[in-house]
Every structure is written in C-alpha cells, then in structure tokens.
C-alpha cells in the first residue's frame, strides 16, 4: 500500500488518483472480483504488455489506432504480425463483450452480449489473479489460447462465448510457449506470402 503521507499529498493536490487508489483498496479488501475486473480492464492491457515483454522474446505494444469500439485486440507485436486480446478472469473463462448488436454481429450470440468474430485476434490472453492475493501481480498467472481453439463449431464465424475447462486447462502453465509458437507461425506465414507474391 502507498504510504499515508503520499496518499494525503495526492488528495491535497486534487488528484483523482487518490479516489481510485482508495476504491481499489476497498475492492481488494472485500474481494469484489467482478468490480476489480472492471476497474482493472485498461490496466490489464499494460500489465499483460509488461508481462509479455519481460517473460518472452516478443516485444508488444498497446494498440494505438483510434477504433472507438476497441474491437478485436488490445496488444500487437511491434512488427504488427500478431495480435492479442486480453481479459481478466478469476474463475470461469468467457469471451463475451459488450458491443452494439450491429448487422455484422447480429448472429454472434444469444446471451445479450456479442461474441468475437473469427480473425479479430491471434491469441486470447487471460490474466488469472490469485483470489486471495489479487493485488500482488507476482501471484497472477496467465493462460494464452490460440484463436483456432476458440472457434464455435456451431457458429464458425464466431468464437465460443464460454471457454470450457477442457480447452483452457490444456494451456495452463504454457502461456510463454503458446505466445512464442503462435508468433513463429505468423512469421512463417508472412515469409511464405512474401515468397509467393
């Protein structure tokens, strides 16, 4: 926790950060997992970016285009060959999102949310905070699942909205390897494309 002196100084300066820190600590104390996920959604992109850059040979950055719907992906490799959509999930793993039901995605889901379309990201990376130590990033784990393993067999233009344990459990403890291997496949595909063009 940040010292009381620093917190009081931030509060005196009229900074919103004071209230964010206070709210975050209250949510952590009460283990309000759903609200923590909401408040940390944007931060999770930065957390995952740093984690990937520190634990793999990949170099990624936050998406920097101006897509107002924030569709598709959050992170991309510096060369733009691989994209990653990040999520925070403590218990079940789901991929539903809140997007407008447009003509494009009218058949994507029957849950009131919208499923991801195939082709929006190469990897779906799930941050898994430790429920008893949510505030300690060193206790978090990560699950990286390639898009092809998330395609809905009943609706093949979209991804499944709930990821069953039989799928995600195959990827536990393998995030670094999955990220690296997926990137290498993307590089090889790109090289073949260059040769054939």
N, C-alpha and C. Protein backbone atom coordinates (compact mmCIF):
# COMPACT_ATOMS: atom_id res chain seq x y z
N UNK A 1 0.85 -1.19 0.00
CA UNK A 1 0.00 0.00 0.00
C UNK A 1 0.88 1.24 0.00
N UNK A 2 0.40 2.24 -0.66
CA UNK A 2 1.10 3.53 -0.71
C UNK A 2 1.02 4.17 0.68
N UNK A 3 2.10 4.83 1.08
CA UNK A 3 2.11 5.42 2.41
C UNK A 3 1.03 6.48 2.56
N UNK A 4 0.57 6.68 3.79
CA UNK A 4 -0.47 7.67 4.07
C UNK A 4 -0.01 9.08 3.69
N UNK A 5 1.29 9.37 3.89
CA UNK A 5 1.81 10.70 3.52
C UNK A 5 1.64 10.96 2.03
N UNK A 6 1.98 9.97 1.23
CA UNK A 6 1.86 10.12 -0.23
C UNK A 6 0.39 10.25 -0.61
N UNK A 7 -0.47 9.42 0.00
CA UNK A 7 -1.90 9.50 -0.30
C UNK A 7 -2.47 10.86 0.07
N UNK A 8 -2.12 11.37 1.22
CA UNK A 8 -2.62 12.69 1.64
C UNK A 8 -2.14 13.79 0.70
N UNK A 9 -0.91 13.68 0.23
CA UNK A 9 -0.38 14.68 -0.71
C UNK A 9 -1.15 14.62 -2.03
N UNK A 10 -1.42 13.41 -2.51
CA UNK A 10 -2.19 13.25 -3.75
C UNK A 10 -3.59 13.84 -3.58
N UNK A 11 -4.19 13.59 -2.41
CA UNK A 11 -5.53 14.13 -2.14
C UNK A 11 -5.52 15.65 -2.10
N UNK A 12 -4.52 16.24 -1.43
CA UNK A 12 -4.40 17.70 -1.35
C UNK A 12 -4.26 18.34 -2.72
N UNK A 13 -3.60 17.63 -3.62
CA UNK A 13 -3.39 18.17 -4.97
C UNK A 13 -4.64 18.04 -5.84
N UNK A 14 -5.71 17.50 -5.26
CA UNK A 14 -6.96 17.38 -6.00
C UNK A 14 -6.91 16.36 -7.13
N UNK A 15 -6.10 15.34 -6.94
CA UNK A 15 -5.91 14.32 -7.97
C UNK A 15 -6.94 13.19 -7.82
N UNK A 16 -7.51 12.79 -8.93
CA UNK A 16 -8.48 11.71 -8.94
C UNK A 16 -7.83 10.38 -8.54
N UNK A 17 -6.51 10.29 -8.72
CA UNK A 17 -5.79 9.07 -8.37
C UNK A 17 -6.03 8.66 -6.91
N UNK A 18 -6.19 9.65 -6.04
CA UNK A 18 -6.44 9.35 -4.62
C UNK A 18 -7.69 8.47 -4.50
N UNK A 19 -8.75 8.87 -5.17
CA UNK A 19 -10.02 8.16 -5.05
C UNK A 19 -9.97 6.80 -5.76
N UNK A 20 -9.23 6.73 -6.83
CA UNK A 20 -9.06 5.44 -7.49
C UNK A 20 -8.30 4.47 -6.59
N UNK A 21 -7.26 4.94 -5.95
CA UNK A 21 -6.48 4.09 -5.04
C UNK A 21 -7.35 3.64 -3.87
N UNK A 22 -8.11 4.57 -3.29
CA UNK A 22 -8.97 4.21 -2.16
C UNK A 22 -10.03 3.19 -2.57
N UNK A 23 -10.64 3.40 -3.74
CA UNK A 23 -11.66 2.47 -4.23
C UNK A 23 -11.04 1.10 -4.52
N UNK A 24 -9.87 1.10 -5.13
CA UNK A 24 -9.19 -0.15 -5.44
C UNK A 24 -8.90 -0.94 -4.17
N UNK A 25 -8.38 -0.27 -3.15
CA UNK A 25 -8.06 -0.97 -1.90
C UNK A 25 -9.31 -1.51 -1.21
N UNK A 26 -10.41 -0.78 -1.30
CA UNK A 26 -11.67 -1.26 -0.72
C UNK A 26 -12.15 -2.52 -1.46
N UNK A 27 -12.07 -2.49 -2.80
CA UNK A 27 -12.48 -3.65 -3.58
C UNK A 27 -11.58 -4.85 -3.30
N UNK A 28 -10.29 -4.61 -3.15
CA UNK A 28 -9.36 -5.70 -2.82
C UNK A 28 -9.68 -6.29 -1.45
N UNK A 29 -9.92 -5.41 -0.50
CA UNK A 29 -10.23 -5.84 0.87
C UNK A 29 -11.49 -6.69 0.91
N UNK A 30 -12.49 -6.30 0.12
CA UNK A 30 -13.77 -7.00 0.11
C UNK A 30 -13.83 -8.14 -0.91
N UNK A 31 -12.72 -8.32 -1.65
CA UNK A 31 -12.66 -9.35 -2.69
C UNK A 31 -13.82 -9.25 -3.67
N UNK A 32 -14.06 -8.04 -4.13
CA UNK A 32 -15.12 -7.77 -5.10
C UNK A 32 -14.57 -8.02 -6.52
N UNK A 33 -14.52 -9.29 -6.88
CA UNK A 33 -13.84 -9.73 -8.09
C UNK A 33 -14.42 -9.09 -9.35
N UNK A 34 -15.72 -9.06 -9.46
CA UNK A 34 -16.35 -8.51 -10.67
C UNK A 34 -15.97 -7.04 -10.86
N UNK A 35 -16.08 -6.25 -9.79
CA UNK A 35 -15.75 -4.83 -9.88
C UNK A 35 -14.25 -4.61 -10.08
N UNK A 36 -13.43 -5.45 -9.49
CA UNK A 36 -11.98 -5.35 -9.71
C UNK A 36 -11.66 -5.57 -11.19
N UNK A 37 -12.31 -6.55 -11.78
CA UNK A 37 -12.09 -6.81 -13.21
C UNK A 37 -12.45 -5.61 -14.06
N UNK A 38 -13.54 -4.94 -13.70
CA UNK A 38 -13.96 -3.75 -14.47
C UNK A 38 -12.98 -2.60 -14.30
N UNK A 39 -12.59 -2.34 -13.05
CA UNK A 39 -11.73 -1.20 -12.78
C UNK A 39 -10.31 -1.42 -13.34
N UNK A 40 -9.91 -2.70 -13.50
CA UNK A 40 -8.56 -3.01 -13.97
C UNK A 40 -8.49 -3.40 -15.44
N UNK A 41 -9.60 -3.32 -16.16
CA UNK A 41 -9.60 -3.75 -17.56
C UNK A 41 -8.54 -3.02 -18.39
N UNK A 42 -8.49 -1.73 -18.29
CA UNK A 42 -7.50 -0.94 -19.04
C UNK A 42 -6.09 -1.23 -18.52
N UNK A 43 -5.95 -1.30 -17.21
CA UNK A 43 -4.64 -1.60 -16.62
C UNK A 43 -4.14 -2.97 -17.02
N UNK A 44 -5.06 -3.92 -17.19
CA UNK A 44 -4.68 -5.27 -17.57
C UNK A 44 -3.91 -5.29 -18.88
N UNK A 45 -4.27 -4.41 -19.81
CA UNK A 45 -3.54 -4.35 -21.07
C UNK A 45 -2.07 -3.99 -20.82
N UNK A 46 -1.84 -3.05 -19.92
CA UNK A 46 -0.47 -2.65 -19.59
C UNK A 46 0.25 -3.75 -18.81
N UNK A 47 -0.49 -4.39 -17.89
CA UNK A 47 0.09 -5.50 -17.11
C UNK A 47 0.52 -6.61 -18.06
N UNK A 48 -0.35 -6.99 -18.98
CA UNK A 48 -0.03 -8.06 -19.93
C UNK A 48 1.12 -7.66 -20.85
N UNK A 49 1.12 -6.40 -21.30
CA UNK A 49 2.20 -5.93 -22.15
C UNK A 49 3.55 -6.09 -21.44
N UNK A 50 3.61 -5.61 -20.22
CA UNK A 50 4.87 -5.73 -19.46
C UNK A 50 5.23 -7.19 -19.21
N UNK A 51 4.22 -8.01 -18.88
CA UNK A 51 4.48 -9.41 -18.60
C UNK A 51 5.05 -10.11 -19.84
N UNK A 52 4.46 -9.88 -20.99
CA UNK A 52 4.95 -10.49 -22.23
C UNK A 52 6.37 -10.00 -22.53
N UNK A 53 6.57 -8.69 -22.45
CA UNK A 53 7.88 -8.12 -22.77
C UNK A 53 8.96 -8.59 -21.80
N UNK A 54 8.60 -8.92 -20.57
CA UNK A 54 9.57 -9.37 -19.56
C UNK A 54 9.76 -10.88 -19.52
N UNK A 55 8.82 -11.65 -20.08
CA UNK A 55 8.87 -13.10 -19.93
C UNK A 55 8.99 -13.88 -21.23
N UNK A 56 9.00 -13.18 -22.35
CA UNK A 56 9.17 -13.84 -23.65
C UNK A 56 10.16 -13.02 -24.47
N UNK A 57 10.51 -13.53 -25.63
CA UNK A 57 11.37 -12.75 -26.53
C UNK A 57 10.55 -11.79 -27.39
N UNK A 58 9.23 -11.86 -27.27
CA UNK A 58 8.36 -10.97 -28.04
C UNK A 58 8.41 -9.56 -27.49
N UNK A 59 8.16 -8.61 -28.37
CA UNK A 59 8.02 -7.21 -27.97
C UNK A 59 6.66 -6.77 -28.46
N UNK A 60 5.81 -6.38 -27.50
CA UNK A 60 4.45 -5.96 -27.84
C UNK A 60 4.19 -4.55 -27.35
N UNK A 61 3.17 -3.96 -27.92
CA UNK A 61 2.73 -2.62 -27.52
C UNK A 61 1.22 -2.60 -27.50
N UNK A 62 0.68 -1.59 -26.82
CA UNK A 62 -0.77 -1.41 -26.82
C UNK A 62 -1.21 -0.95 -28.20
N UNK A 63 -2.38 -1.37 -28.56
CA UNK A 63 -2.96 -0.94 -29.83
C UNK A 63 -3.01 0.59 -29.84
N UNK A 64 -2.62 1.17 -30.96
CA UNK A 64 -2.58 2.62 -31.00
C UNK A 64 -3.45 3.26 -32.06
N UNK A 65 -4.33 2.46 -32.68
CA UNK A 65 -5.23 3.09 -33.63
C UNK A 65 -6.42 3.68 -32.89
N UNK A 66 -7.30 4.29 -33.60
CA UNK A 66 -8.41 5.02 -32.97
C UNK A 66 -9.75 4.32 -33.15
N UNK A 67 -9.78 3.00 -33.03
CA UNK A 67 -11.03 2.25 -33.15
C UNK A 67 -11.88 2.55 -31.90
N UNK A 68 -12.95 3.31 -32.09
CA UNK A 68 -13.78 3.72 -30.96
C UNK A 68 -14.48 2.55 -30.28
N UNK A 69 -14.70 1.45 -31.00
CA UNK A 69 -15.33 0.27 -30.40
C UNK A 69 -14.32 -0.62 -29.69
N UNK A 70 -13.04 -0.30 -29.83
CA UNK A 70 -11.96 -1.12 -29.25
C UNK A 70 -12.14 -2.58 -29.62
N UNK A 71 -12.51 -2.82 -30.85
CA UNK A 71 -12.78 -4.18 -31.29
C UNK A 71 -11.50 -4.94 -31.59
N UNK A 72 -11.59 -6.23 -31.47
CA UNK A 72 -10.53 -7.10 -31.94
C UNK A 72 -9.44 -7.42 -30.98
N UNK A 73 -8.53 -6.50 -30.76
CA UNK A 73 -7.35 -6.84 -29.97
C UNK A 73 -6.88 -5.64 -29.17
N UNK A 74 -6.07 -5.93 -28.15
CA UNK A 74 -5.54 -4.88 -27.28
C UNK A 74 -4.06 -4.65 -27.51
N UNK A 75 -3.32 -5.73 -27.80
CA UNK A 75 -1.87 -5.66 -27.96
C UNK A 75 -1.48 -6.19 -29.32
N UNK A 76 -0.35 -5.73 -29.81
CA UNK A 76 0.20 -6.23 -31.06
C UNK A 76 1.72 -6.29 -30.94
N UNK A 77 2.32 -7.24 -31.66
CA UNK A 77 3.77 -7.26 -31.70
C UNK A 77 4.23 -6.00 -32.43
N UNK A 78 5.44 -5.56 -32.16
CA UNK A 78 5.94 -4.32 -32.75
C UNK A 78 5.91 -4.35 -34.28
N UNK A 79 6.09 -5.55 -34.86
CA UNK A 79 6.05 -5.67 -36.32
C UNK A 79 4.63 -5.82 -36.86
N UNK A 80 3.63 -5.90 -35.96
CA UNK A 80 2.24 -5.99 -36.38
C UNK A 80 1.81 -7.36 -36.87
N UNK A 81 2.64 -8.37 -36.72
CA UNK A 81 2.30 -9.70 -37.24
C UNK A 81 1.34 -10.49 -36.35
N UNK A 82 1.35 -10.24 -35.05
CA UNK A 82 0.48 -11.00 -34.14
C UNK A 82 -0.30 -10.04 -33.24
N UNK A 83 -1.58 -10.37 -33.05
CA UNK A 83 -2.44 -9.56 -32.20
C UNK A 83 -2.92 -10.38 -31.01
N UNK A 84 -3.17 -9.69 -29.90
CA UNK A 84 -3.55 -10.33 -28.64
C UNK A 84 -4.72 -9.58 -28.03
N UNK A 85 -5.74 -10.32 -27.66
CA UNK A 85 -6.87 -9.75 -26.92
C UNK A 85 -6.72 -10.18 -25.47
N UNK A 86 -6.71 -9.24 -24.55
CA UNK A 86 -6.50 -9.56 -23.15
C UNK A 86 -7.78 -9.48 -22.32
N UNK A 87 -7.87 -10.34 -21.34
CA UNK A 87 -9.00 -10.39 -20.41
C UNK A 87 -8.48 -10.70 -19.01
N UNK A 88 -9.26 -10.27 -18.00
CA UNK A 88 -9.01 -10.70 -16.62
C UNK A 88 -10.12 -11.67 -16.25
N UNK A 89 -9.75 -12.84 -15.80
CA UNK A 89 -10.74 -13.83 -15.39
C UNK A 89 -10.21 -14.58 -14.17
N UNK A 90 -10.98 -14.56 -13.09
CA UNK A 90 -10.57 -15.26 -11.87
C UNK A 90 -11.13 -16.68 -11.84
N UNK A 91 -12.38 -16.84 -12.23
CA UNK A 91 -12.98 -18.18 -12.15
C UNK A 91 -13.25 -18.70 -13.56
N UNK A 92 -14.48 -18.57 -14.05
CA UNK A 92 -14.77 -19.09 -15.38
C UNK A 92 -14.14 -18.19 -16.44
N UNK A 93 -13.92 -18.76 -17.60
CA UNK A 93 -13.33 -18.00 -18.69
C UNK A 93 -14.39 -17.81 -19.75
N UNK A 94 -14.74 -16.57 -19.99
CA UNK A 94 -15.71 -16.26 -21.03
C UNK A 94 -15.17 -15.15 -21.92
N UNK A 95 -15.73 -15.08 -23.12
CA UNK A 95 -15.26 -14.13 -24.12
C UNK A 95 -16.35 -13.16 -24.56
N UNK A 96 -17.45 -13.13 -23.86
CA UNK A 96 -18.50 -12.19 -24.25
C UNK A 96 -18.02 -10.77 -24.03
N UNK A 97 -18.53 -9.89 -24.84
CA UNK A 97 -18.17 -8.48 -24.74
C UNK A 97 -19.41 -7.63 -24.94
N UNK A 98 -19.33 -6.42 -24.52
CA UNK A 98 -20.44 -5.51 -24.71
C UNK A 98 -20.15 -4.63 -25.91
N UNK A 99 -20.71 -5.01 -27.02
CA UNK A 99 -20.66 -4.26 -28.27
C UNK A 99 -22.07 -4.09 -28.76
N UNK A 100 -22.28 -3.08 -29.54
CA UNK A 100 -23.61 -2.92 -30.13
C UNK A 100 -23.91 -4.10 -31.04
N UNK A 101 -25.15 -4.54 -30.98
CA UNK A 101 -25.60 -5.59 -31.90
C UNK A 101 -25.85 -4.94 -33.26
N UNK A 102 -24.87 -5.01 -34.11
CA UNK A 102 -24.98 -4.43 -35.45
C UNK A 102 -25.37 -5.51 -36.44
N UNK A 103 -25.57 -5.11 -37.67
CA UNK A 103 -25.88 -6.07 -38.72
C UNK A 103 -24.77 -7.11 -38.83
N UNK A 104 -23.51 -6.66 -38.68
CA UNK A 104 -22.35 -7.55 -38.79
C UNK A 104 -22.37 -8.67 -37.76
N UNK A 105 -22.77 -8.35 -36.52
CA UNK A 105 -22.67 -9.36 -35.47
C UNK A 105 -24.03 -9.78 -34.90
N UNK A 106 -25.10 -9.63 -35.70
CA UNK A 106 -26.44 -9.96 -35.20
C UNK A 106 -26.61 -11.44 -34.83
N UNK A 107 -25.83 -12.33 -35.46
CA UNK A 107 -25.94 -13.76 -35.18
C UNK A 107 -24.82 -14.28 -34.29
N UNK A 108 -24.12 -13.37 -33.63
CA UNK A 108 -22.92 -13.79 -32.90
C UNK A 108 -23.21 -14.47 -31.57
N UNK A 109 -24.35 -14.19 -30.95
CA UNK A 109 -24.60 -14.74 -29.62
C UNK A 109 -26.07 -14.60 -29.27
N UNK A 110 -26.52 -15.44 -28.37
CA UNK A 110 -27.90 -15.32 -27.90
C UNK A 110 -27.95 -14.93 -26.42
N UNK A 111 -26.87 -14.38 -25.90
CA UNK A 111 -26.79 -14.05 -24.48
C UNK A 111 -27.03 -12.58 -24.18
N UNK A 112 -27.21 -11.76 -25.21
CA UNK A 112 -27.33 -10.33 -24.99
C UNK A 112 -26.00 -9.61 -25.13
N UNK A 113 -24.93 -10.37 -25.17
CA UNK A 113 -23.61 -9.82 -25.44
C UNK A 113 -23.20 -10.26 -26.85
N UNK A 114 -22.05 -9.83 -27.27
CA UNK A 114 -21.58 -10.13 -28.62
C UNK A 114 -20.34 -11.01 -28.54
N UNK A 115 -20.32 -12.06 -29.36
CA UNK A 115 -19.15 -12.93 -29.44
C UNK A 115 -18.12 -12.29 -30.36
N UNK A 116 -16.86 -12.63 -30.15
CA UNK A 116 -15.81 -12.17 -31.05
C UNK A 116 -15.95 -12.88 -32.38
N UNK A 117 -15.69 -12.16 -33.45
CA UNK A 117 -15.66 -12.75 -34.79
C UNK A 117 -14.32 -13.43 -34.99
N UNK A 118 -14.30 -14.47 -35.81
CA UNK A 118 -13.05 -15.11 -36.17
C UNK A 118 -12.19 -14.07 -36.91
N UNK A 119 -10.92 -14.02 -36.56
CA UNK A 119 -10.00 -13.11 -37.22
C UNK A 119 -9.74 -11.81 -36.47
N UNK A 120 -10.36 -11.64 -35.31
CA UNK A 120 -10.16 -10.39 -34.57
C UNK A 120 -8.85 -10.36 -33.80
N UNK A 121 -8.34 -11.51 -33.38
CA UNK A 121 -7.07 -11.58 -32.67
C UNK A 121 -6.48 -12.98 -32.88
N UNK A 122 -5.17 -13.07 -32.77
CA UNK A 122 -4.50 -14.36 -32.94
C UNK A 122 -4.46 -15.15 -31.64
N UNK A 123 -4.35 -14.43 -30.53
CA UNK A 123 -4.23 -15.04 -29.20
C UNK A 123 -5.21 -14.35 -28.26
N UNK A 124 -5.82 -15.12 -27.39
CA UNK A 124 -6.63 -14.58 -26.31
C UNK A 124 -5.87 -14.89 -25.02
N UNK A 125 -5.45 -13.82 -24.34
CA UNK A 125 -4.60 -13.96 -23.16
C UNK A 125 -5.42 -13.60 -21.92
N UNK A 126 -5.50 -14.55 -21.00
CA UNK A 126 -6.30 -14.37 -19.79
C UNK A 126 -5.38 -14.20 -18.58
N UNK A 127 -5.50 -13.06 -17.94
CA UNK A 127 -4.82 -12.84 -16.66
C UNK A 127 -5.65 -13.53 -15.59
N UNK A 128 -4.98 -14.28 -14.72
CA UNK A 128 -5.67 -15.02 -13.66
C UNK A 128 -5.15 -14.57 -12.30
N UNK A 129 -5.74 -13.49 -11.75
CA UNK A 129 -5.31 -13.06 -10.41
C UNK A 129 -5.57 -14.15 -9.37
N UNK A 130 -4.73 -14.17 -8.36
CA UNK A 130 -4.92 -15.07 -7.23
C UNK A 130 -6.01 -14.45 -6.36
N UNK A 131 -7.10 -15.14 -6.17
CA UNK A 131 -8.24 -14.58 -5.46
C UNK A 131 -7.89 -14.14 -4.03
N UNK A 132 -6.95 -14.84 -3.39
CA UNK A 132 -6.57 -14.48 -2.03
C UNK A 132 -5.48 -13.42 -1.97
N UNK A 133 -4.89 -13.12 -3.11
CA UNK A 133 -3.81 -12.14 -3.16
C UNK A 133 -3.90 -11.34 -4.47
N UNK A 134 -5.10 -10.87 -4.76
CA UNK A 134 -5.41 -10.23 -6.04
C UNK A 134 -4.46 -9.06 -6.33
N UNK A 135 -4.09 -8.32 -5.32
CA UNK A 135 -3.26 -7.13 -5.51
C UNK A 135 -1.79 -7.39 -5.76
N UNK A 136 -1.35 -8.64 -5.71
CA UNK A 136 0.05 -8.99 -5.91
C UNK A 136 0.22 -9.58 -7.31
N UNK A 137 0.74 -8.77 -8.23
CA UNK A 137 0.90 -9.21 -9.62
C UNK A 137 1.81 -10.43 -9.74
N UNK A 138 2.73 -10.61 -8.80
CA UNK A 138 3.62 -11.77 -8.85
C UNK A 138 2.87 -13.08 -8.56
N UNK A 139 1.66 -12.97 -8.05
CA UNK A 139 0.85 -14.16 -7.79
C UNK A 139 -0.13 -14.45 -8.94
N UNK A 140 -0.16 -13.58 -9.95
CA UNK A 140 -1.04 -13.79 -11.09
C UNK A 140 -0.45 -14.86 -12.00
N UNK A 141 -1.32 -15.56 -12.70
CA UNK A 141 -0.88 -16.47 -13.75
C UNK A 141 -1.57 -16.05 -15.05
N UNK A 142 -1.13 -16.64 -16.16
CA UNK A 142 -1.64 -16.25 -17.47
C UNK A 142 -1.91 -17.48 -18.30
N UNK A 143 -2.99 -17.43 -19.05
CA UNK A 143 -3.34 -18.51 -19.97
C UNK A 143 -3.49 -17.89 -21.34
N UNK A 144 -2.70 -18.37 -22.30
CA UNK A 144 -2.77 -17.90 -23.68
C UNK A 144 -3.39 -19.00 -24.53
N UNK A 145 -4.48 -18.67 -25.21
CA UNK A 145 -5.17 -19.66 -26.05
C UNK A 145 -5.21 -19.14 -27.48
N UNK A 146 -4.72 -19.92 -28.43
CA UNK A 146 -4.80 -19.50 -29.84
C UNK A 146 -6.25 -19.44 -30.30
N UNK A 147 -6.51 -18.52 -31.20
CA UNK A 147 -7.88 -18.32 -31.68
C UNK A 147 -8.50 -19.60 -32.22
N UNK A 148 -7.71 -20.40 -32.97
CA UNK A 148 -8.28 -21.59 -33.61
C UNK A 148 -8.92 -22.55 -32.62
N UNK A 149 -8.49 -22.54 -31.36
CA UNK A 149 -9.06 -23.44 -30.37
C UNK A 149 -10.32 -22.86 -29.72
N UNK A 150 -10.71 -21.66 -30.14
CA UNK A 150 -11.88 -21.00 -29.56
C UNK A 150 -13.02 -20.82 -30.56
N UNK A 151 -12.84 -21.31 -31.78
CA UNK A 151 -13.87 -21.15 -32.81
C UNK A 151 -15.08 -22.01 -32.46
N UNK A 152 -16.24 -21.43 -32.56
CA UNK A 152 -17.50 -22.08 -32.23
C UNK A 152 -17.91 -23.02 -33.37
N UNK A 153 -17.90 -24.31 -33.13
CA UNK A 153 -18.23 -25.28 -34.19
C UNK A 153 -19.67 -25.12 -34.67
N UNK A 154 -20.55 -24.59 -33.83
CA UNK A 154 -21.95 -24.39 -34.21
C UNK A 154 -22.18 -23.06 -34.92
N UNK A 155 -21.22 -22.17 -34.82
CA UNK A 155 -21.33 -20.84 -35.41
C UNK A 155 -19.92 -20.42 -35.84
N UNK A 156 -19.38 -21.04 -36.91
CA UNK A 156 -17.95 -20.97 -37.23
C UNK A 156 -17.40 -19.60 -37.64
N UNK A 157 -18.22 -18.61 -37.73
CA UNK A 157 -17.71 -17.25 -37.99
C UNK A 157 -17.38 -16.52 -36.70
N UNK A 158 -17.69 -17.17 -35.57
CA UNK A 158 -17.51 -16.53 -34.27
C UNK A 158 -16.79 -17.47 -33.31
N UNK A 159 -16.33 -16.89 -32.23
CA UNK A 159 -15.70 -17.68 -31.17
C UNK A 159 -16.75 -18.07 -30.14
N UNK A 160 -16.44 -19.12 -29.40
CA UNK A 160 -17.33 -19.52 -28.30
C UNK A 160 -17.36 -18.39 -27.27
N UNK A 161 -18.46 -18.28 -26.56
CA UNK A 161 -18.56 -17.22 -25.55
C UNK A 161 -18.13 -17.71 -24.17
N UNK A 162 -18.18 -19.01 -23.94
CA UNK A 162 -17.71 -19.61 -22.70
C UNK A 162 -16.64 -20.64 -23.05
N UNK A 163 -15.49 -20.53 -22.42
CA UNK A 163 -14.40 -21.46 -22.71
C UNK A 163 -14.44 -22.58 -21.68
N UNK A 164 -14.77 -23.79 -22.11
CA UNK A 164 -14.84 -24.90 -21.15
C UNK A 164 -13.46 -25.26 -20.61
N UNK A 165 -13.46 -25.82 -19.41
CA UNK A 165 -12.20 -26.19 -18.76
C UNK A 165 -11.39 -27.16 -19.60
N UNK A 166 -12.06 -28.03 -20.36
CA UNK A 166 -11.32 -28.99 -21.19
C UNK A 166 -10.46 -28.29 -22.23
N UNK A 167 -10.82 -27.05 -22.60
CA UNK A 167 -9.98 -26.28 -23.53
C UNK A 167 -8.91 -25.52 -22.76
N UNK A 168 -9.33 -24.68 -21.80
CA UNK A 168 -8.34 -23.79 -21.17
C UNK A 168 -7.33 -24.55 -20.31
N UNK A 169 -7.73 -25.69 -19.76
CA UNK A 169 -6.79 -26.43 -18.90
C UNK A 169 -5.58 -26.95 -19.70
N UNK A 170 -5.73 -27.14 -21.01
CA UNK A 170 -4.61 -27.59 -21.85
C UNK A 170 -3.51 -26.53 -21.93
N UNK A 171 -3.86 -25.29 -21.62
CA UNK A 171 -2.93 -24.18 -21.80
C UNK A 171 -2.36 -23.63 -20.48
N UNK A 172 -2.77 -24.20 -19.36
CA UNK A 172 -2.27 -23.73 -18.07
C UNK A 172 -0.76 -23.96 -17.98
N UNK A 173 -0.04 -22.92 -17.58
CA UNK A 173 1.41 -23.01 -17.43
C UNK A 173 2.19 -22.96 -18.73
N UNK A 174 1.51 -22.66 -19.85
CA UNK A 174 2.17 -22.69 -21.15
C UNK A 174 2.07 -21.36 -21.90
N UNK A 175 1.73 -20.29 -21.21
CA UNK A 175 1.47 -19.02 -21.90
C UNK A 175 2.66 -18.54 -22.72
N UNK A 176 3.85 -18.58 -22.13
CA UNK A 176 5.03 -18.11 -22.85
C UNK A 176 5.24 -18.92 -24.13
N UNK A 177 5.14 -20.24 -24.01
CA UNK A 177 5.34 -21.14 -25.15
C UNK A 177 4.30 -20.90 -26.23
N UNK A 178 3.03 -20.75 -25.84
CA UNK A 178 1.95 -20.54 -26.81
C UNK A 178 2.15 -19.21 -27.54
N UNK A 179 2.52 -18.17 -26.81
CA UNK A 179 2.77 -16.87 -27.44
C UNK A 179 3.91 -16.97 -28.44
N UNK A 180 5.01 -17.59 -28.04
CA UNK A 180 6.19 -17.72 -28.91
C UNK A 180 5.86 -18.54 -30.16
N UNK A 181 5.22 -19.70 -29.96
CA UNK A 181 4.93 -20.59 -31.09
C UNK A 181 3.94 -19.94 -32.06
N UNK A 182 2.95 -19.26 -31.53
CA UNK A 182 1.97 -18.60 -32.40
C UNK A 182 2.65 -17.50 -33.21
N UNK A 183 3.54 -16.77 -32.56
CA UNK A 183 4.26 -15.72 -33.27
C UNK A 183 5.14 -16.31 -34.38
N UNK A 184 5.83 -17.39 -34.07
CA UNK A 184 6.68 -18.03 -35.08
C UNK A 184 5.86 -18.50 -36.27
N UNK A 185 4.65 -19.02 -36.03
CA UNK A 185 3.76 -19.42 -37.13
C UNK A 185 3.38 -18.21 -37.97
N UNK A 186 3.10 -17.10 -37.33
CA UNK A 186 2.74 -15.87 -38.05
C UNK A 186 3.91 -15.39 -38.91
N UNK A 187 5.11 -15.47 -38.37
CA UNK A 187 6.31 -15.07 -39.13
C UNK A 187 6.48 -15.96 -40.35
N UNK A 188 6.33 -17.28 -40.16
CA UNK A 188 6.47 -18.22 -41.27
C UNK A 188 5.41 -18.00 -42.34
N UNK A 189 4.18 -17.73 -41.92
CA UNK A 189 3.10 -17.43 -42.88
C UNK A 189 3.44 -16.17 -43.68
N UNK A 190 3.97 -15.19 -43.00
CA UNK A 190 4.33 -13.93 -43.66
C UNK A 190 5.46 -14.16 -44.67
N UNK A 191 6.44 -14.95 -44.29
CA UNK A 191 7.56 -15.25 -45.21
C UNK A 191 7.06 -15.98 -46.45
N UNK A 192 6.15 -16.95 -46.27
CA UNK A 192 5.58 -17.68 -47.41
C UNK A 192 4.82 -16.73 -48.33
N UNK A 193 4.09 -15.82 -47.73
CA UNK A 193 3.33 -14.85 -48.50
C UNK A 193 4.26 -13.98 -49.34
N UNK A 194 5.38 -13.57 -48.77
CA UNK A 194 6.36 -12.75 -49.49
C UNK A 194 6.97 -13.52 -50.64
N UNK A 195 7.28 -14.80 -50.40
CA UNK A 195 7.89 -15.64 -51.44
C UNK A 195 6.92 -15.85 -52.59
N UNK A 196 5.65 -16.07 -52.27
CA UNK A 196 4.64 -16.36 -53.30
C UNK A 196 4.10 -15.12 -54.00
N UNK A 197 4.47 -13.95 -53.55
CA UNK A 197 3.93 -12.75 -54.20
C UNK A 197 4.88 -12.16 -55.22
